[in-house]
Amino acid sequence: MIRLLIKLPRHKQFNYTPIYYDEAKEDLMERVGKLEDGGSIQGTKIRRGSLKESWGRSNRVSKSNKESRRLLMMLIISFSFLAWYFFFS
């Protein structure tokens, strides 16, 4: 009888599924899928944006190589100048 007079609120339920996006994993899964279908990555037809996708990773590597080479050259030049200054002054 008391339950009919008192209405208790029910707990709320949320249908929330967290979303996590891993770009490297997505890229890997795409390449594996292409290879499993029997095609090769280099042998596929050229489509819009395919060159950008295939050269994207190597572009980042070459950029870091350029920066490290530039830093190395600056250090060599500065140390040579310091050595020349100490030996000839």
Protein backbone atom coordinates (compact mmCIF):
# COMPACT_ATOMS: atom_id res chain seq x y z
CA MET A 1 0.00 0.00 0.00
CA ILE A 2 2.80 2.41 0.86
CA ARG A 3 4.51 1.72 -2.45
CA LEU A 4 1.48 2.96 -4.32
CA LEU A 5 1.55 6.29 -2.48
CA ILE A 6 5.27 6.96 -2.78
CA LYS A 7 6.72 7.17 -6.27
CA LEU A 8 10.49 6.69 -6.25
CA PRO A 9 12.47 8.04 -9.21
CA ARG A 10 14.17 5.46 -11.38
CA HIS A 11 17.87 5.65 -12.06
CA LYS A 12 18.86 7.31 -15.32
CA GLN A 13 20.45 5.26 -18.04
CA PHE A 14 22.70 6.75 -20.69
CA ASN A 15 23.68 5.07 -23.92
CA TYR A 16 27.14 6.59 -24.17
CA THR A 17 29.85 4.78 -26.05
CA PRO A 18 33.26 6.49 -25.83
CA ILE A 19 34.93 7.27 -29.13
CA TYR A 20 38.70 6.95 -29.58
CA TYR A 21 40.36 7.59 -32.92
CA ASP A 22 43.86 6.33 -33.60
CA GLU A 23 45.08 7.62 -36.96
CA ALA A 24 48.07 5.27 -37.15
CA LYS A 25 45.93 2.22 -36.43
CA GLU A 26 43.32 3.34 -38.98
CA ASP A 27 46.05 3.75 -41.62
CA LEU A 28 47.52 0.33 -40.79
CA MET A 29 44.13 -1.38 -40.97
CA GLU A 30 43.46 0.25 -44.35
CA ARG A 31 46.77 -0.98 -45.76
CA VAL A 32 46.28 -4.49 -44.38
CA GLY A 33 42.80 -4.57 -45.90
CA LYS A 34 44.18 -3.56 -49.30
CA LEU A 35 46.84 -6.27 -49.17
CA GLU A 36 44.38 -8.94 -48.04
CA ASP A 37 42.14 -8.14 -51.01
CA GLY A 38 44.97 -9.19 -53.31
CA GLY A 39 46.03 -5.75 -54.42
CA SER A 40 49.32 -4.12 -53.72
CA ILE A 41 49.73 -0.63 -52.38
CA GLN A 42 52.01 0.52 -55.24
CA GLY A 43 50.02 -1.28 -57.94
CA THR A 44 46.69 0.38 -57.30
CA LYS A 45 45.18 2.93 -59.63
CA ILE A 46 45.97 6.56 -58.96
CA ARG A 47 42.98 8.27 -57.47
CA ARG A 48 42.48 11.72 -56.04
CA GLY A 49 44.54 12.12 -52.86
CA SER A 50 46.39 8.79 -53.17
CA LEU A 51 49.78 10.43 -53.65
CA LYS A 52 49.21 12.60 -50.61
CA GLU A 53 48.31 9.53 -48.54
CA SER A 54 51.25 7.44 -49.71
CA TRP A 55 53.86 10.21 -49.41
CA GLY A 56 52.53 11.72 -46.20
CA ARG A 57 54.61 9.63 -43.81
CA SER A 58 57.86 9.92 -45.82
CA ASN A 59 57.38 13.69 -46.03
CA ARG A 60 57.38 13.96 -42.24
CA VAL A 61 60.54 11.87 -42.02
CA SER A 62 62.39 13.94 -44.59
CA LYS A 63 61.37 17.16 -42.81
CA SER A 64 62.89 15.93 -39.55
CA ASN A 65 66.01 14.80 -41.44
CA LYS A 66 66.38 18.25 -42.97
CA GLU A 67 66.10 19.89 -39.57
CA SER A 68 68.67 17.55 -38.01
CA ARG A 69 71.08 18.08 -40.92
CA ARG A 70 70.70 21.83 -40.59
CA LEU A 71 71.43 21.65 -36.86
CA LEU A 72 74.46 19.44 -37.44
CA MET A 73 75.85 21.85 -40.05
CA MET A 74 75.35 24.81 -37.73
CA LEU A 75 77.19 22.99 -34.93
CA ILE A 76 80.08 22.01 -37.21
CA ILE A 77 80.43 25.58 -38.49
CA SER A 78 80.27 27.08 -34.99
CA PHE A 79 82.82 24.60 -33.55
CA SER A 80 85.15 25.17 -36.51
CA PHE A 81 84.95 28.90 -35.99
CA LEU A 82 85.65 28.54 -32.26
CA ALA A 83 88.62 26.21 -32.93
CA TRP A 84 90.01 28.64 -35.54
CA TYR A 85 89.59 31.54 -33.09
CA PHE A 86 91.42 29.75 -30.25
CA PHE A 87 94.28 28.44 -32.42
CA PHE A 88 95.01 31.61 -34.39
CA SER A 89 94.47 34.33 -31.82
